[in-house]
Amino acid sequence: MIAGGTMKHAGVDMSKPDAIRKAVSYVGSLLDKLEHSYQV
């Protein structure tokens, strides 16, 4: 099985660098929100 193959069936092509960058950025934004929620 190719890495990201399951995601491709869901319409997400993780074989492209841009898709991976967007995913990492999104997870980073979630972590930022989580960190901020503990500071308030």
PDB file of N, CA and C in Angstrom:
ATOM      1  N   MET A   1       0.842  -1.181   0.000  1.00  0.00           N
ATOM      2  CA  MET A   1       0.000   0.000   0.000  1.00  0.00           C
ATOM      3  C   MET A   1       0.885   1.242   0.000  1.00  0.00           C
ATOM      4  N   ILE A   2       0.515   2.213  -0.769  1.00  0.00           N
ATOM      5  CA  ILE A   2       1.255   3.468  -0.864  1.00  0.00           C
ATOM      6  C   ILE A   2       0.806   4.397   0.258  1.00  0.00           C
ATOM      7  N   ALA A   3       1.767   5.117   0.843  1.00  0.00           N
ATOM      8  CA  ALA A   3       1.432   6.075   1.896  1.00  0.00           C
ATOM      9  C   ALA A   3       0.423   7.086   1.382  1.00  0.00           C
ATOM     10  N   GLY A   4      -0.617   7.334   2.164  1.00  0.00           N
ATOM     11  CA  GLY A   4      -1.660   8.275   1.759  1.00  0.00           C
ATOM     12  C   GLY A   4      -2.706   7.658   0.846  1.00  0.00           C
ATOM     13  N   GLY A   5      -2.593   6.370   0.549  1.00  0.00           N
ATOM     14  CA  GLY A   5      -3.531   5.711  -0.351  1.00  0.00           C
ATOM     15  C   GLY A   5      -4.960   5.729   0.152  1.00  0.00           C
ATOM     16  N   THR A   6      -5.137   5.544   1.446  1.00  0.00           N
ATOM     17  CA  THR A   6      -6.473   5.572   2.024  1.00  0.00           C
ATOM     18  C   THR A   6      -7.085   6.960   1.893  1.00  0.00           C
ATOM     19  N   MET A   7      -6.273   7.986   2.091  1.00  0.00           N
ATOM     20  CA  MET A   7      -6.750   9.362   1.962  1.00  0.00           C
ATOM     21  C   MET A   7      -7.173   9.653   0.526  1.00  0.00           C
ATOM     22  N   LYS A   8      -6.463   9.069  -0.418  1.00  0.00           N
ATOM     23  CA  LYS A   8      -6.771   9.311  -1.833  1.00  0.00           C
ATOM     24  C   LYS A   8      -8.176   8.803  -2.167  1.00  0.00           C
ATOM     25  N   HIS A   9      -8.572   7.698  -1.558  1.00  0.00           N
ATOM     26  CA  HIS A   9      -9.924   7.178  -1.772  1.00  0.00           C
ATOM     27  C   HIS A   9     -10.976   8.165  -1.264  1.00  0.00           C
ATOM     28  N   ALA A  10     -10.596   8.968  -0.278  1.00  0.00           N
ATOM     29  CA  ALA A  10     -11.515   9.970   0.279  1.00  0.00           C
ATOM     30  C   ALA A  10     -11.436  11.290  -0.483  1.00  0.00           C
ATOM     31  N   GLY A  11     -10.632  11.329  -1.540  1.00  0.00           N
ATOM     32  CA  GLY A  11     -10.518  12.535  -2.349  1.00  0.00           C
ATOM     33  C   GLY A  11      -9.408  13.472  -1.916  1.00  0.00           C
ATOM     34  N   VAL A  12      -8.501  12.988  -1.068  1.00  0.00           N
ATOM     35  CA  VAL A  12      -7.377  13.799  -0.597  1.00  0.00           C
ATOM     36  C   VAL A  12      -6.097  13.189  -1.145  1.00  0.00           C
ATOM     37  N   ASP A  13      -5.389  13.924  -1.984  1.00  0.00           N
ATOM     38  CA  ASP A  13      -4.159  13.423  -2.596  1.00  0.00           C
ATOM     39  C   ASP A  13      -2.951  13.909  -1.800  1.00  0.00           C
ATOM     40  N   MET A  14      -2.450  13.062  -0.905  1.00  0.00           N
ATOM     41  CA  MET A  14      -1.325  13.429  -0.047  1.00  0.00           C
ATOM     42  C   MET A  14       0.021  13.155  -0.718  1.00  0.00           C
ATOM     43  N   SER A  15       0.011  12.836  -2.009  1.00  0.00           N
ATOM     44  CA  SER A  15       1.273  12.603  -2.711  1.00  0.00           C
ATOM     45  C   SER A  15       1.895  13.907  -3.204  1.00  0.00           C
ATOM     46  N   LYS A  16       1.164  14.988  -3.098  1.00  0.00           N
ATOM     47  CA  LYS A  16       1.657  16.296  -3.540  1.00  0.00           C
ATOM     48  C   LYS A  16       2.187  17.087  -2.344  1.00  0.00           C
ATOM     49  N   PRO A  17       3.353  17.720  -2.476  1.00  0.00           N
ATOM     50  CA  PRO A  17       3.929  18.485  -1.360  1.00  0.00           C
ATOM     51  C   PRO A  17       3.004  19.579  -0.831  1.00  0.00           C
ATOM     52  N   ASP A  18       2.240  20.219  -1.709  1.00  0.00           N
ATOM     53  CA  ASP A  18       1.356  21.296  -1.263  1.00  0.00           C
ATOM     54  C   ASP A  18       0.285  20.775  -0.307  1.00  0.00           C
ATOM     55  N   ALA A  19      -0.249  19.608  -0.581  1.00  0.00           N
ATOM     56  CA  ALA A  19      -1.272  19.026   0.293  1.00  0.00           C
ATOM     57  C   ALA A  19      -0.691  18.720   1.669  1.00  0.00           C
ATOM     58  N   ILE A  20       0.537  18.239   1.698  1.00  0.00           N
ATOM     59  CA  ILE A  20       1.184  17.933   2.974  1.00  0.00           C
ATOM     60  C   ILE A  20       1.445  19.220   3.746  1.00  0.00           C
ATOM     61  N   ARG A  21       1.902  20.258   3.053  1.00  0.00           N
ATOM     62  CA  ARG A  21       2.133  21.556   3.713  1.00  0.00           C
ATOM     63  C   ARG A  21       0.845  22.101   4.316  1.00  0.00           C
ATOM     64  N   LYS A  22      -0.247  21.997   3.583  1.00  0.00           N
ATOM     65  CA  LYS A  22      -1.532  22.484   4.086  1.00  0.00           C
ATOM     66  C   LYS A  22      -1.969  21.685   5.313  1.00  0.00           C
ATOM     67  N   ALA A  23      -1.773  20.378   5.278  1.00  0.00           N
ATOM     68  CA  ALA A  23      -2.154  19.541   6.414  1.00  0.00           C
ATOM     69  C   ALA A  23      -1.324  19.883   7.644  1.00  0.00           C
ATOM     70  N   VAL A  24      -0.024  20.063   7.473  1.00  0.00           N
ATOM     71  CA  VAL A  24       0.857  20.414   8.587  1.00  0.00           C
ATOM     72  C   VAL A  24       0.484  21.789   9.132  1.00  0.00           C
ATOM     73  N   SER A  25       0.185  22.718   8.254  1.00  0.00           N
ATOM     74  CA  SER A  25      -0.223  24.059   8.674  1.00  0.00           C
ATOM     75  C   SER A  25      -1.524  24.008   9.470  1.00  0.00           C
ATOM     76  N   TYR A  26      -2.464  23.199   9.021  1.00  0.00           N
ATOM     77  CA  TYR A  26      -3.746  23.073   9.713  1.00  0.00           C
ATOM     78  C   TYR A  26      -3.552  22.487  11.109  1.00  0.00           C
ATOM     79  N   VAL A  27      -2.774  21.432  11.210  1.00  0.00           N
ATOM     80  CA  VAL A  27      -2.514  20.829  12.518  1.00  0.00           C
ATOM     81  C   VAL A  27      -1.798  21.835  13.417  1.00  0.00           C
ATOM     82  N   GLY A  28      -0.875  22.593  12.860  1.00  0.00           N
ATOM     83  CA  GLY A  28      -0.186  23.627  13.623  1.00  0.00           C
ATOM     84  C   GLY A  28      -1.154  24.664  14.161  1.00  0.00           C
ATOM     85  N   SER A  29      -2.136  25.061  13.340  1.00  0.00           N
ATOM     86  CA  SER A  29      -3.121  26.048  13.800  1.00  0.00           C
ATOM     87  C   SER A  29      -3.985  25.474  14.922  1.00  0.00           C
ATOM     88  N   LEU A  30      -4.298  24.189  14.845  1.00  0.00           N
ATOM     89  CA  LEU A  30      -5.055  23.555  15.925  1.00  0.00           C
ATOM     90  C   LEU A  30      -4.248  23.542  17.221  1.00  0.00           C
ATOM     91  N   LEU A  31      -2.960  23.259  17.115  1.00  0.00           N
ATOM     92  CA  LEU A  31      -2.103  23.266  18.299  1.00  0.00           C
ATOM     93  C   LEU A  31      -1.991  24.669  18.887  1.00  0.00           C
ATOM     94  N   ASP A  32      -1.902  25.676  18.031  1.00  0.00           N
ATOM     95  CA  ASP A  32      -1.866  27.064  18.504  1.00  0.00           C
ATOM     96  C   ASP A  32      -3.135  27.408  19.281  1.00  0.00           C
ATOM     97  N   LYS A  33      -4.288  26.996  18.758  1.00  0.00           N
ATOM     98  CA  LYS A  33      -5.560  27.256  19.438  1.00  0.00           C
ATOM     99  C   LYS A  33      -5.619  26.530  20.779  1.00  0.00           C
ATOM    100  N   LEU A  34      -5.150  25.299  20.802  1.00  0.00           N
ATOM    101  CA  LEU A  34      -5.136  24.526  22.043  1.00  0.00           C
ATOM    102  C   LEU A  34      -4.236  25.190  23.078  1.00  0.00           C
ATOM    103  N   GLU A  35      -3.055  25.595  22.641  1.00  0.00           N
ATOM    104  CA  GLU A  35      -2.120  26.271  23.539  1.00  0.00           C
ATOM    105  C   GLU A  35      -2.738  27.565  24.075  1.00  0.00           C
ATOM    106  N   HIS A  36      -3.371  28.323  23.209  1.00  0.00           N
ATOM    107  CA  HIS A  36      -3.996  29.580  23.620  1.00  0.00           C
ATOM    108  C   HIS A  36      -5.123  29.328  24.631  1.00  0.00           C
ATOM    109  N   SER A  37      -5.884  28.264  24.441  1.00  0.00           N
ATOM    110  CA  SER A  37      -7.004  27.982  25.344  1.00  0.00           C
ATOM    111  C   SER A  37      -6.528  27.667  26.762  1.00  0.00           C
ATOM    112  N   TYR A  38      -5.310  27.172  26.915  1.00  0.00           N
ATOM    113  CA  TYR A  38      -4.775  26.890  28.247  1.00  0.00           C
ATOM    114  C   TYR A  38      -4.154  28.126  28.887  1.00  0.00           C
ATOM    115  N   GLN A  39      -3.880  29.162  28.101  1.00  0.00           N
ATOM    116  CA  GLN A  39      -3.273  30.382  28.632  1.00  0.00           C
ATOM    117  C   GLN A  39      -4.322  31.355  29.150  1.00  0.00           C
ATOM    118  N   VAL A  40      -5.546  31.197  28.719  1.00  0.00           N
ATOM    119  CA  VAL A  40      -6.603  32.151  29.103  1.00  0.00           C
ATOM    120  C   VAL A  40      -7.208  31.773  30.425  1.00  0.00           C
TER     121      VAL A  40
END
